[in-house]
Amino acid sequence: MKRIVLVFGLIAGLIVSAWLVGGLALCYNSGSFEGNMLLGYASMIIAFAFVFIGVKNYRDKYNNGVVSFGKAFQIGLYITLIASSMYVVVWLIDYYVFIPDFMDKYSAHMITKIQSSSASIAEKADKISGINKMKEMYRSPAWVVLMTYLEIFPVGLVVTIITALILKRKATNGNVLAVD
């Protein structure tokens, strides 16, 4: 199980980290942050497909076609933790070493977008205040880590739960398998 978790966690982490760096470079250099969030979450779904592949691999190749929901969830959770941790570490390196002014550029972009919207003055002020609070929170590395985990980990957790529900199987009457 350890080998499966490590291999598939690293593959998922590499995929999501590559998309993070590539997508971030494009939006950062162009100054346009539109569409990057959608691509980011799509890359997470693609990367977390390796949760499914890893659990299925464990079930079919190493556990005689049988896996409980709990064991499938455990394997998926470990893969998710490895991939999410890689994503967080890559973001921290990218943010602090290569683009330390990212939050300034991003918040300026969002404020410009809000100011040009048709929202009321009060709504605009409220949204801008929220952006400024987020920018202030981003001054703390602990908040950067927490917010980055909150960006990716829930996606992996949902994929893990769905995977465990789909792939769970228990043995009945010798070698005959039954899906719960």
Foldseek 3Di string as FASTA:
>chain_A
DVVLLVVLLVQLLVQLLVLVVVLCVVCVVVLHPPPSLVSNLVSLVVSLVSLLVSLCCCLVPPPLNADALVRSLVSLLSSLVSSLVSNLVSCVCCCPPPNVCVLVSVLVSVLVVLVPDPDDPVVSVVVNVVSVVVSVLVVDSVSSSVVSSVSRSVSSSVSSNVSSQVRHWDDDDPSDIDRD
